[in-house]
PDB file of N, CA and C in Angstrom:
ATOM      1  N   UNK A   1       5.531 -12.101  -8.717  1.00  0.00           N
ATOM      2  CA  UNK A   1       6.081 -13.429  -7.694  1.00  0.00           C
ATOM      3  C   UNK A   1       5.787 -12.339  -6.129  1.00  0.00           C
ATOM      4  N   UNK A   2       6.578 -11.652  -6.437  1.00  0.00           N
ATOM      5  CA  UNK A   2       6.194 -10.841  -4.786  1.00  0.00           C
ATOM      6  C   UNK A   2       5.072 -10.916  -3.980  1.00  0.00           C
ATOM      7  N   UNK A   3       3.812 -10.918  -5.396  1.00  0.00           N
ATOM      8  CA  UNK A   3       2.397 -10.655  -4.895  1.00  0.00           C
ATOM      9  C   UNK A   3       2.247 -11.675  -3.914  1.00  0.00           C
ATOM     10  N   UNK A   4       2.565 -12.862  -5.026  1.00  0.00           N
ATOM     11  CA  UNK A   4       2.204 -14.904  -4.666  1.00  0.00           C
ATOM     12  C   UNK A   4       2.732 -14.610  -3.172  1.00  0.00           C
ATOM     13  N   UNK A   5       4.284 -14.229  -3.217  1.00  0.00           N
ATOM     14  CA  UNK A   5       4.528 -15.002  -1.517  1.00  0.00           C
ATOM     15  C   UNK A   5       3.707 -14.040  -0.305  1.00  0.00           C
ATOM     16  N   UNK A   6       3.245 -12.755  -0.899  1.00  0.00           N
ATOM     17  CA  UNK A   6       2.729 -11.901   0.243  1.00  0.00           C
ATOM     18  C   UNK A   6       1.057 -12.798   0.077  1.00  0.00           C
ATOM     19  N   UNK A   7       0.438 -13.081  -0.612  1.00  0.00           N
ATOM     20  CA  UNK A   7      -0.333 -14.036  -0.324  1.00  0.00           C
ATOM     21  C   UNK A   7      -0.451 -15.440   0.156  1.00  0.00           C
ATOM     22  N   UNK A   8       0.428 -15.675   0.327  1.00  0.00           N
ATOM     23  CA  UNK A   8       0.781 -16.992   0.993  1.00  0.00           C
ATOM     24  C   UNK A   8       1.373 -16.780   2.423  1.00  0.00           C
ATOM     25  N   UNK A   9       2.175 -16.242   2.797  1.00  0.00           N
ATOM     26  CA  UNK A   9       2.393 -15.248   4.067  1.00  0.00           C
ATOM     27  C   UNK A   9       1.084 -15.124   4.741  1.00  0.00           C
ATOM     28  N   UNK A  10       0.284 -13.928   4.182  1.00  0.00           N
ATOM     29  CA  UNK A  10      -0.471 -13.644   4.867  1.00  0.00           C
ATOM     30  C   UNK A  10      -1.904 -14.448   5.096  1.00  0.00           C
ATOM     31  N   UNK A  11      -2.064 -15.870   4.057  1.00  0.00           N
ATOM     32  CA  UNK A  11      -3.062 -16.802   4.620  1.00  0.00           C
ATOM     33  C   UNK A  11      -2.504 -17.704   5.761  1.00  0.00           C
ATOM     34  N   UNK A  12      -1.068 -18.253   5.604  1.00  0.00           N
ATOM     35  CA  UNK A  12      -0.420 -18.472   6.844  1.00  0.00           C
ATOM     36  C   UNK A  12      -0.285 -17.939   7.813  1.00  0.00           C
ATOM     37  N   UNK A  13      -0.256 -16.515   7.835  1.00  0.00           N
ATOM     38  CA  UNK A  13       0.161 -15.651   9.442  1.00  0.00           C
ATOM     39  C   UNK A  13      -0.925 -15.118   9.459  1.00  0.00           C
ATOM     40  N   UNK A  14      -2.044 -14.316   9.092  1.00  0.00           N
ATOM     41  CA  UNK A  14      -2.841 -13.592   8.947  1.00  0.00           C
ATOM     42  C   UNK A  14      -4.651 -13.778   9.274  1.00  0.00           C
ATOM     43  N   UNK A  15      -4.454 -13.922   7.730  1.00  0.00           N
ATOM     44  CA  UNK A  15      -6.037 -15.077   7.766  1.00  0.00           C
ATOM     45  C   UNK A  15      -6.349 -16.086   7.288  1.00  0.00           C
ATOM     46  N   UNK A  16      -6.161 -16.875   8.070  1.00  0.00           N
ATOM     47  CA  UNK A  16      -6.411 -18.463   7.642  1.00  0.00           C
ATOM     48  C   UNK A  16      -7.614 -19.053   6.824  1.00  0.00           C
ATOM     49  N   UNK A  17      -8.353 -18.045   7.976  1.00  0.00           N
ATOM     50  CA  UNK A  17     -10.036 -18.536   6.806  1.00  0.00           C
ATOM     51  C   UNK A  17      -9.628 -17.946   5.328  1.00  0.00           C
ATOM     52  N   UNK A  18      -9.441 -17.044   5.100  1.00  0.00           N
ATOM     53  CA  UNK A  18      -9.387 -16.655   3.360  1.00  0.00           C
ATOM     54  C   UNK A  18      -8.976 -17.528   2.603  1.00  0.00           C
ATOM     55  N   UNK A  19      -9.798 -17.242   1.254  1.00  0.00           N
ATOM     56  CA  UNK A  19      -9.289 -18.559   0.382  1.00  0.00           C
ATOM     57  C   UNK A  19      -7.823 -18.043  -0.393  1.00  0.00           C
ATOM     58  N   UNK A  20      -7.183 -18.831  -0.624  1.00  0.00           N
ATOM     59  CA  UNK A  20      -5.725 -18.151  -1.431  1.00  0.00           C
ATOM     60  C   UNK A  20      -5.964 -17.253  -2.835  1.00  0.00           C
ATOM     61  N   UNK A  21      -6.994 -17.583  -3.406  1.00  0.00           N
ATOM     62  CA  UNK A  21      -7.539 -17.136  -4.570  1.00  0.00           C
ATOM     63  C   UNK A  21      -7.786 -15.582  -4.378  1.00  0.00           C
ATOM     64  N   UNK A  22      -8.797 -15.069  -3.272  1.00  0.00           N
ATOM     65  CA  UNK A  22      -9.016 -14.376  -2.940  1.00  0.00           C
ATOM     66  C   UNK A  22      -7.725 -13.113  -2.156  1.00  0.00           C
ATOM     67  N   UNK A  23      -6.808 -14.177  -1.724  1.00  0.00           N
ATOM     68  CA  UNK A  23      -5.868 -13.557  -1.059  1.00  0.00           C
ATOM     69  C   UNK A  23      -4.772 -12.588  -2.264  1.00  0.00           C
ATOM     70  N   UNK A  24      -5.049 -13.247  -3.615  1.00  0.00           N
ATOM     71  CA  UNK A  24      -3.758 -13.483  -4.438  1.00  0.00           C
ATOM     72  C   UNK A  24      -4.178 -12.111  -4.943  1.00  0.00           C
ATOM     73  N   UNK A  25      -5.598 -11.833  -5.279  1.00  0.00           N
ATOM     74  CA  UNK A  25      -6.217 -10.948  -6.253  1.00  0.00           C
ATOM     75  C   UNK A  25      -6.253  -9.588  -4.986  1.00  0.00           C
ATOM     76  N   UNK A  26      -6.479  -9.670  -3.897  1.00  0.00           N
ATOM     77  CA  UNK A  26      -6.264  -8.573  -2.255  1.00  0.00           C
ATOM     78  C   UNK A  26      -4.742  -8.235  -2.782  1.00  0.00           C
ATOM     79  N   UNK A  27      -3.424  -9.361  -2.744  1.00  0.00           N
ATOM     80  CA  UNK A  27      -2.137  -8.757  -3.140  1.00  0.00           C
ATOM     81  C   UNK A  27      -1.995  -8.027  -4.136  1.00  0.00           C
ATOM     82  N   UNK A  28      -2.423  -8.531  -5.174  1.00  0.00           N
ATOM     83  CA  UNK A  28      -2.551  -7.491  -6.665  1.00  0.00           C
ATOM     84  C   UNK A  28      -3.108  -6.111  -6.529  1.00  0.00           C
ATOM     85  N   UNK A  29      -4.184  -6.355  -5.800  1.00  0.00           N
ATOM     86  CA  UNK A  29      -5.111  -4.661  -5.748  1.00  0.00           C
ATOM     87  C   UNK A  29      -4.563  -3.707  -4.395  1.00  0.00           C
ATOM     88  N   UNK A  30      -3.621  -4.212  -3.658  1.00  0.00           N
ATOM     89  CA  UNK A  30      -2.947  -3.700  -2.696  1.00  0.00           C
ATOM     90  C   UNK A  30      -1.684  -2.993  -3.356  1.00  0.00           C
ATOM     91  N   UNK A  31      -0.886  -3.938  -4.024  1.00  0.00           N
ATOM     92  CA  UNK A  31      -0.038  -3.540  -4.698  1.00  0.00           C
ATOM     93  C   UNK A  31       0.018  -2.099  -5.824  1.00  0.00           C
ATOM     94  N   UNK A  32      -1.359  -1.961  -6.831  1.00  0.00           N
ATOM     95  CA  UNK A  32      -1.791  -1.357  -7.291  1.00  0.00           C
ATOM     96  C   UNK A  32      -1.883   0.447  -6.774  1.00  0.00           C
ATOM     97  N   UNK A  33      -2.923  -0.104  -5.560  1.00  0.00           N
ATOM     98  CA  UNK A  33      -2.885   1.136  -4.149  1.00  0.00           C
ATOM     99  C   UNK A  33      -1.965   1.784  -3.819  1.00  0.00           C
ATOM    100  N   UNK A  34      -1.170   1.009  -3.276  1.00  0.00           N
ATOM    101  CA  UNK A  34       0.435   1.684  -2.881  1.00  0.00           C
ATOM    102  C   UNK A  34       1.014   2.642  -4.257  1.00  0.00           C
ATOM    103  N   UNK A  35       0.711   2.087  -5.271  1.00  0.00           N
ATOM    104  CA  UNK A  35       1.898   2.468  -6.434  1.00  0.00           C
ATOM    105  C   UNK A  35       0.437   3.924  -7.122  1.00  0.00           C
ATOM    106  N   UNK A  36      -0.582   3.908  -6.681  1.00  0.00           N
ATOM    107  CA  UNK A  36      -1.439   5.038  -6.912  1.00  0.00           C
ATOM    108  C   UNK A  36      -1.109   5.839  -5.481  1.00  0.00           C
ATOM    109  N   UNK A  37      -1.045   5.483  -4.216  1.00  0.00           N
ATOM    110  CA  UNK A  37      -0.832   6.272  -3.684  1.00  0.00           C
ATOM    111  C   UNK A  37       0.203   7.482  -3.975  1.00  0.00           C
ATOM    112  N   UNK A  38       1.689   6.645  -4.482  1.00  0.00           N
ATOM    113  CA  UNK A  38       2.640   7.317  -4.228  1.00  0.00           C
ATOM    114  C   UNK A  38       2.523   8.246  -5.287  1.00  0.00           C
ATOM    115  N   UNK A  39       1.949   7.747  -7.016  1.00  0.00           N
ATOM    116  CA  UNK A  39       1.587   8.611  -7.674  1.00  0.00           C
ATOM    117  C   UNK A  39       0.810  10.059  -7.361  1.00  0.00           C
ATOM    118  N   UNK A  40      -0.302  10.023  -6.584  1.00  0.00           N
ATOM    119  CA  UNK A  40      -1.034  10.693  -5.741  1.00  0.00           C
ATOM    120  C   UNK A  40       0.159  11.935  -5.131  1.00  0.00           C
ATOM    121  N   UNK A  41       0.649  11.025  -3.972  1.00  0.00           N
ATOM    122  CA  UNK A  41       1.442  12.526  -3.783  1.00  0.00           C
ATOM    123  C   UNK A  41       2.517  12.866  -4.329  1.00  0.00           C
ATOM    124  N   UNK A  42       3.160  12.318  -5.207  1.00  0.00           N
ATOM    125  CA  UNK A  42       4.240  12.958  -5.968  1.00  0.00           C
ATOM    126  C   UNK A  42       3.773  14.099  -6.553  1.00  0.00           C
ATOM    127  N   UNK A  43       2.308  14.030  -7.307  1.00  0.00           N
ATOM    128  CA  UNK A  43       1.426  15.054  -8.328  1.00  0.00           C
ATOM    129  C   UNK A  43       1.196  15.874  -7.158  1.00  0.00           C
ATOM    130  N   UNK A  44       0.957  15.735  -6.000  1.00  0.00           N
ATOM    131  CA  UNK A  44       1.160  16.813  -5.193  1.00  0.00           C
ATOM    132  C   UNK A  44       2.119  17.869  -5.111  1.00  0.00           C
ATOM    133  N   UNK A  45       3.151  16.957  -4.992  1.00  0.00           N
ATOM    134  CA  UNK A  45       4.781  17.600  -4.440  1.00  0.00           C
ATOM    135  C   UNK A  45       4.621  18.625  -5.812  1.00  0.00           C
ATOM    136  N   UNK A  46       4.377  17.813  -6.726  1.00  0.00           N
ATOM    137  CA  UNK A  46       4.910  18.804  -8.033  1.00  0.00           C
ATOM    138  C   UNK A  46       3.892  20.277  -8.167  1.00  0.00           C
ATOM    139  N   UNK A  47       2.721  19.916  -7.691  1.00  0.00           N
ATOM    140  CA  UNK A  47       1.859  20.743  -8.100  1.00  0.00           C
ATOM    141  C   UNK A  47       2.277  22.062  -6.834  1.00  0.00           C
ATOM    142  N   UNK A  48       3.090  21.582  -5.784  1.00  0.00           N
ATOM    143  CA  UNK A  48       3.358  22.686  -4.971  1.00  0.00           C
ATOM    144  C   UNK A  48       4.408  23.170  -4.819  1.00  0.00           C
ATOM    145  N   UNK A  49       5.277  22.388  -6.238  1.00  0.00           N
ATOM    146  CA  UNK A  49       6.350  22.947  -6.714  1.00  0.00           C
ATOM    147  C   UNK A  49       8.051  22.873  -5.456  1.00  0.00           C
ATOM    148  N   UNK A  50       7.631  21.647  -4.772  1.00  0.00           N
ATOM    149  CA  UNK A  50       8.706  21.822  -3.687  1.00  0.00           C
ATOM    150  C   UNK A  50       9.198  19.992  -4.119  1.00  0.00           C
ATOM    151  N   UNK A  51      10.398  20.000  -4.039  1.00  0.00           N
ATOM    152  CA  UNK A  51      10.720  18.490  -3.601  1.00  0.00           C
ATOM    153  C   UNK A  51      10.671  17.623  -2.916  1.00  0.00           C
ATOM    154  N   UNK A  52      10.976  17.826  -1.233  1.00  0.00           N
ATOM    155  CA  UNK A  52      10.429  16.963  -0.303  1.00  0.00           C
ATOM    156  C   UNK A  52       9.427  17.646   0.378  1.00  0.00           C
ATOM    157  N   UNK A  53       8.426  16.374   0.803  1.00  0.00           N
ATOM    158  CA  UNK A  53       7.308  16.856   1.877  1.00  0.00           C
ATOM    159  C   UNK A  53       8.063  17.261   3.518  1.00  0.00           C
ATOM    160  N   UNK A  54       8.871  17.025   3.787  1.00  0.00           N
ATOM    161  CA  UNK A  54       9.533  17.105   5.018  1.00  0.00           C
ATOM    162  C   UNK A  54      11.031  17.451   4.930  1.00  0.00           C
ATOM    163  N   UNK A  55      12.016  17.846   6.139  1.00  0.00           N
ATOM    164  CA  UNK A  55      13.367  17.800   5.935  1.00  0.00           C
ATOM    165  C   UNK A  55      13.665  16.950   6.932  1.00  0.00           C
ATOM    166  N   UNK A  56      12.552  15.802   7.895  1.00  0.00           N
ATOM    167  CA  UNK A  56      13.031  14.465   8.610  1.00  0.00           C
ATOM    168  C   UNK A  56      13.875  13.520   8.564  1.00  0.00           C
ATOM    169  N   UNK A  57      13.436  13.169   7.050  1.00  0.00           N
ATOM    170  CA  UNK A  57      14.488  12.113   6.750  1.00  0.00           C
ATOM    171  C   UNK A  57      15.003  12.760   5.436  1.00  0.00           C
ATOM    172  N   UNK A  58      16.232  13.314   5.216  1.00  0.00           N
ATOM    173  CA  UNK A  58      17.046  14.092   4.297  1.00  0.00           C
ATOM    174  C   UNK A  58      17.125  12.985   3.291  1.00  0.00           C
ATOM    175  N   UNK A  59      16.962  13.274   2.173  1.00  0.00           N
ATOM    176  CA  UNK A  59      17.266  12.336   1.084  1.00  0.00           C
ATOM    177  C   UNK A  59      16.140  11.144   0.389  1.00  0.00           C
ATOM    178  N   UNK A  60      15.044  11.310   1.030  1.00  0.00           N
ATOM    179  CA  UNK A  60      14.138  10.445   1.089  1.00  0.00           C
ATOM    180  C   UNK A  60      13.069  10.819   0.476  1.00  0.00           C
ATOM    181  N   UNK A  61      12.646  12.660   0.385  1.00  0.00           N
ATOM    182  CA  UNK A  61      11.945  13.127  -0.339  1.00  0.00           C
ATOM    183  C   UNK A  61      10.795  13.494   0.905  1.00  0.00           C
ATOM    184  N   UNK A  62      11.253  12.641   2.176  1.00  0.00           N
ATOM    185  CA  UNK A  62      10.568  13.086   3.405  1.00  0.00           C
ATOM    186  C   UNK A  62       9.623  12.272   3.967  1.00  0.00           C
ATOM    187  N   UNK A  63       9.014  12.517   5.258  1.00  0.00           N
ATOM    188  CA  UNK A  63       7.987  11.337   5.757  1.00  0.00           C
ATOM    189  C   UNK A  63       7.055  10.690   4.333  1.00  0.00           C
ATOM    190  N   UNK A  64       6.335  11.461   4.016  1.00  0.00           N
ATOM    191  CA  UNK A  64       5.023  11.031   3.522  1.00  0.00           C
ATOM    192  C   UNK A  64       5.365  10.613   2.270  1.00  0.00           C
ATOM    193  N   UNK A  65       7.117  10.421   1.615  1.00  0.00           N
ATOM    194  CA  UNK A  65       7.216   9.465   0.858  1.00  0.00           C
ATOM    195  C   UNK A  65       7.609   8.307   1.121  1.00  0.00           C
ATOM    196  N   UNK A  66       7.401   7.898   2.732  1.00  0.00           N
ATOM    197  CA  UNK A  66       7.610   6.703   3.134  1.00  0.00           C
ATOM    198  C   UNK A  66       6.245   6.386   3.120  1.00  0.00           C
ATOM    199  N   UNK A  67       5.228   6.759   3.402  1.00  0.00           N
ATOM    200  CA  UNK A  67       3.967   6.160   4.182  1.00  0.00           C
ATOM    201  C   UNK A  67       2.704   6.462   3.079  1.00  0.00           C
ATOM    202  N   UNK A  68       3.189   6.860   2.174  1.00  0.00           N
ATOM    203  CA  UNK A  68       2.102   7.617   0.399  1.00  0.00           C
ATOM    204  C   UNK A  68       1.778   6.112   0.205  1.00  0.00           C
ATOM    205  N   UNK A  69       2.019   4.891   0.442  1.00  0.00           N
ATOM    206  CA  UNK A  69       1.334   3.410  -0.318  1.00  0.00           C
ATOM    207  C   UNK A  69       0.637   3.099   0.969  1.00  0.00           C
ATOM    208  N   UNK A  70       0.841   3.155   1.927  1.00  0.00           N
ATOM    209  CA  UNK A  70       0.039   2.731   3.214  1.00  0.00           C
ATOM    210  C   UNK A  70      -0.938   3.475   3.034  1.00  0.00           C
ATOM    211  N   UNK A  71      -1.239   5.213   2.791  1.00  0.00           N
ATOM    212  CA  UNK A  71      -2.339   5.607   2.919  1.00  0.00           C
ATOM    213  C   UNK A  71      -3.238   5.186   2.158  1.00  0.00           C
ATOM    214  N   UNK A  72      -2.784   4.748   1.144  1.00  0.00           N
ATOM    215  CA  UNK A  72      -4.054   4.060   0.267  1.00  0.00           C
ATOM    216  C   UNK A  72      -4.458   3.262   0.005  1.00  0.00           C
ATOM    217  N   UNK A  73      -3.607   2.189   0.658  1.00  0.00           N
ATOM    218  CA  UNK A  73      -3.759   0.928   0.614  1.00  0.00           C
ATOM    219  C   UNK A  73      -4.345   0.032   1.898  1.00  0.00           C
ATOM    220  N   UNK A  74      -3.972   1.124   3.057  1.00  0.00           N
ATOM    221  CA  UNK A  74      -4.139   0.705   4.152  1.00  0.00           C
ATOM    222  C   UNK A  74      -6.306   0.561   4.519  1.00  0.00           C
ATOM    223  N   UNK A  75      -6.811   1.645   4.141  1.00  0.00           N
ATOM    224  CA  UNK A  75      -8.457   1.644   3.961  1.00  0.00           C
ATOM    225  C   UNK A  75      -8.867   0.326   2.799  1.00  0.00           C
ATOM    226  N   UNK A  76      -8.422  -0.167   2.025  1.00  0.00           N
ATOM    227  CA  UNK A  76      -8.800  -1.244   1.051  1.00  0.00           C
ATOM    228  C   UNK A  76      -8.648  -2.536   1.806  1.00  0.00           C
ATOM    229  N   UNK A  77      -7.523  -2.749   2.729  1.00  0.00           N
ATOM    230  CA  UNK A  77      -7.318  -3.643   3.437  1.00  0.00           C
ATOM    231  C   UNK A  77      -8.037  -3.916   4.478  1.00  0.00           C
ATOM    232  N   UNK A  78      -8.370  -2.768   5.438  1.00  0.00           N
ATOM    233  CA  UNK A  78      -9.199  -2.583   6.305  1.00  0.00           C
ATOM    234  C   UNK A  78     -10.869  -3.219   5.737  1.00  0.00           C
ATOM    235  N   UNK A  79     -11.477  -2.695   4.656  1.00  0.00           N
ATOM    236  CA  UNK A  79     -12.405  -2.998   3.803  1.00  0.00           C
ATOM    237  C   UNK A  79     -12.612  -4.517   3.585  1.00  0.00           C
ATOM    238  N   UNK A  80     -11.459  -4.932   2.978  1.00  0.00           N
ATOM    239  CA  UNK A  80     -11.817  -6.023   2.679  1.00  0.00           C
ATOM    240  C   UNK A  80     -11.982  -6.897   3.695  1.00  0.00           C
ATOM    241  N   UNK A  81     -11.174  -6.557   4.915  1.00  0.00           N
ATOM    242  CA  UNK A  81     -10.900  -7.826   6.225  1.00  0.00           C
ATOM    243  C   UNK A  81     -12.430  -7.708   7.178  1.00  0.00           C
ATOM    244  N   UNK A  82     -13.100  -6.378   7.241  1.00  0.00           N
ATOM    245  CA  UNK A  82     -14.052  -5.947   7.927  1.00  0.00           C
ATOM    246  C   UNK A  82     -15.508  -6.395   6.795  1.00  0.00           C
ATOM    247  N   UNK A  83     -15.466  -6.349   5.996  1.00  0.00           N
ATOM    248  CA  UNK A  83     -16.858  -6.906   4.720  1.00  0.00           C
ATOM    249  C   UNK A  83     -16.504  -8.292   4.543  1.00  0.00           C
ATOM    250  N   UNK A  84     -15.939  -8.887   3.891  1.00  0.00           N
ATOM    251  CA  UNK A  84     -15.493 -10.270   3.145  1.00  0.00           C
ATOM    252  C   UNK A  84     -15.043 -11.182   3.668  1.00  0.00           C
ATOM    253  N   UNK A  85     -14.674 -10.729   5.244  1.00  0.00           N
ATOM    254  CA  UNK A  85     -14.346 -11.815   6.230  1.00  0.00           C
ATOM    255  C   UNK A  85     -15.321 -12.444   7.126  1.00  0.00           C
TER     256      UNK A  85
END
């Protein structure tokens, strides 16, 4: 449901030239990429044997936990807008 809302808002606000169907697929792909980023970052922390990646945001797992999904999703969004629009 959130992907549907994200696709509608993106079409209206940022990418009016893109088709709704392609934005719906893109929002699903970005959701999966974001979760993969979170899993990859958690695997790195487990491999290193640490609980938090920094003390900048205590109780949140560190700053890297706040941006791990963006690190994986942003290149996909850039590639989509660069090569398909």
